[in-house]
C-alpha atoms as a PDB file:
ATOM      1  CA  MET A   1      -4.628  17.913  -0.393  1.00  0.00           C
ATOM      2  CA  ALA A   2      -2.157  15.330  -0.931  1.00  0.00           C
ATOM      3  CA  LYS A   3      -3.984  12.465  -0.159  1.00  0.00           C
ATOM      4  CA  GLN A   4      -6.539  13.684  -2.463  1.00  0.00           C
ATOM      5  CA  VAL A   5      -4.271  14.568  -5.306  1.00  0.00           C
ATOM      6  CA  ALA A   6      -2.996  11.056  -5.267  1.00  0.00           C
ATOM      7  CA  GLU A   7      -6.061   9.352  -4.880  1.00  0.00           C
ATOM      8  CA  LYS A   8      -8.436  11.275  -7.509  1.00  0.00           C
ATOM      9  CA  ALA A   9      -5.681  12.114 -10.107  1.00  0.00           C
ATOM     10  CA  GLY A  10      -5.722  15.754  -9.147  1.00  0.00           C
ATOM     11  CA  TYR A  11      -9.491  16.074  -9.063  1.00  0.00           C
ATOM     12  CA  ILE A  12      -9.412  17.420  -5.091  1.00  0.00           C
ATOM     13  CA  ASP A  13     -12.911  18.465  -3.511  1.00  0.00           C
ATOM     14  CA  ALA A  14     -12.920  22.895  -3.741  1.00  0.00           C
ATOM     15  CA  ASP A  15     -13.301  22.834   0.310  1.00  0.00           C
ATOM     16  CA  VAL A  16     -10.037  21.103   0.234  1.00  0.00           C
ATOM     17  CA  ARG A  17      -8.434  23.652  -2.033  1.00  0.00           C
ATOM     18  CA  GLU A  18      -9.688  26.512  -0.218  1.00  0.00           C
ATOM     19  CA  ALA A  19      -8.262  25.491   2.838  1.00  0.00           C
ATOM     20  CA  PHE A  20      -5.093  24.946   1.599  1.00  0.00           C
ATOM     21  CA  PHE A  21      -5.115  28.872   0.439  1.00  0.00           C
ATOM     22  CA  ASP A  22      -6.872  29.879   4.314  1.00  0.00           C
ATOM     23  CA  GLN A  23      -3.954  28.640   5.662  1.00  0.00           C
ATOM     24  CA  GLY A  24      -2.285  31.403   3.633  1.00  0.00           C
ATOM     25  CA  TYR A  25      -0.866  29.486   0.556  1.00  0.00           C
ATOM     26  CA  ASP A  26      -1.154  31.065  -2.840  1.00  0.00           C
ATOM     27  CA  ALA A  27      -1.390  30.092  -6.017  1.00  0.00           C
ATOM     28  CA  LYS A  28       2.766  30.235  -6.506  1.00  0.00           C
ATOM     29  CA  ALA A  29       2.769  27.453  -3.700  1.00  0.00           C
ATOM     30  CA  LEU A  30       0.036  25.393  -5.465  1.00  0.00           C
ATOM     31  CA  MET A  31       2.459  25.016  -8.659  1.00  0.00           C
ATOM     32  CA  ASN A  32       5.159  24.243  -6.032  1.00  0.00           C
ATOM     33  CA  PHE A  33       3.216  21.377  -4.733  1.00  0.00           C
ATOM     34  CA  LEU A  34       2.111  20.248  -8.006  1.00  0.00           C
ATOM     35  CA  ALA A  35       6.211  20.002  -8.665  1.00  0.00           C
ATOM     36  CA  VAL A  36       6.896  17.635  -6.229  1.00  0.00           C
ATOM     37  CA  VAL A  37       3.836  15.800  -6.882  1.00  0.00           C
ATOM     38  CA  THR A  38       4.766  15.466 -10.216  1.00  0.00           C
ATOM     39  CA  ALA A  39       8.743  14.833  -9.730  1.00  0.00           C
ATOM     40  CA  ILE A  40       8.053  11.935  -7.139  1.00  0.00           C
ATOM     41  CA  THR A  41       5.357  10.583  -9.499  1.00  0.00           C
ATOM     42  CA  PHE A  42       7.455  10.437 -11.925  1.00  0.00           C
ATOM     43  CA  THR A  43      10.665   9.208 -10.499  1.00  0.00           C
ATOM     44  CA  ASN A  44       8.379   6.236  -8.632  1.00  0.00           C
ATOM     45  CA  TYR A  45       6.790   5.663 -12.064  1.00  0.00           C
ATOM     46  CA  ALA A  46      10.639   5.253 -14.016  1.00  0.00           C
ATOM     47  CA  TYR A  47      11.917   2.976 -10.572  1.00  0.00           C
ATOM     48  CA  ALA A  48       8.825   0.828 -11.201  1.00  0.00           C
ATOM     49  CA  LEU A  49       8.835   0.282 -14.616  1.00  0.00           C
ATOM     50  CA  THR A  50      12.687   0.006 -15.379  1.00  0.00           C
ATOM     51  CA  LYS A  51      14.275  -1.009 -12.004  1.00  0.00           C
ATOM     52  CA  VAL A  52      17.410   0.880 -12.646  1.00  0.00           C
ATOM     53  CA  ASP A  53      19.997   0.946 -10.471  1.00  0.00           C
ATOM     54  CA  VAL A  54      20.337   3.557  -7.340  1.00  0.00           C
ATOM     55  CA  ASP A  55      22.774   6.144  -8.878  1.00  0.00           C
ATOM     56  CA  PHE A  56      24.912   6.528  -5.503  1.00  0.00           C
ATOM     57  CA  PRO A  57      26.818   3.658  -3.776  1.00  0.00           C
ATOM     58  CA  LEU A  58      24.606   2.215  -0.873  1.00  0.00           C
ATOM     59  CA  VAL A  59      25.799   3.217   3.453  1.00  0.00           C
ATOM     60  CA  ALA A  60      28.209   0.820   4.604  1.00  0.00           C
ATOM     61  CA  ASN A  61      26.111  -0.987   7.887  1.00  0.00           C
END
């Protein structure tokens, strides 16, 4: 499902959506999935546009 969400800007095939529910997930899980996709997309775009420094120290080798 994640692949189709990314490739089709959220427009997934009905059978993919139904398979998600058939695996025991509910509407709340779908919204949680959407929240994760939104957060990841936002942070990826924010970094790509701004190139801001990472806000934690790098791990020493």
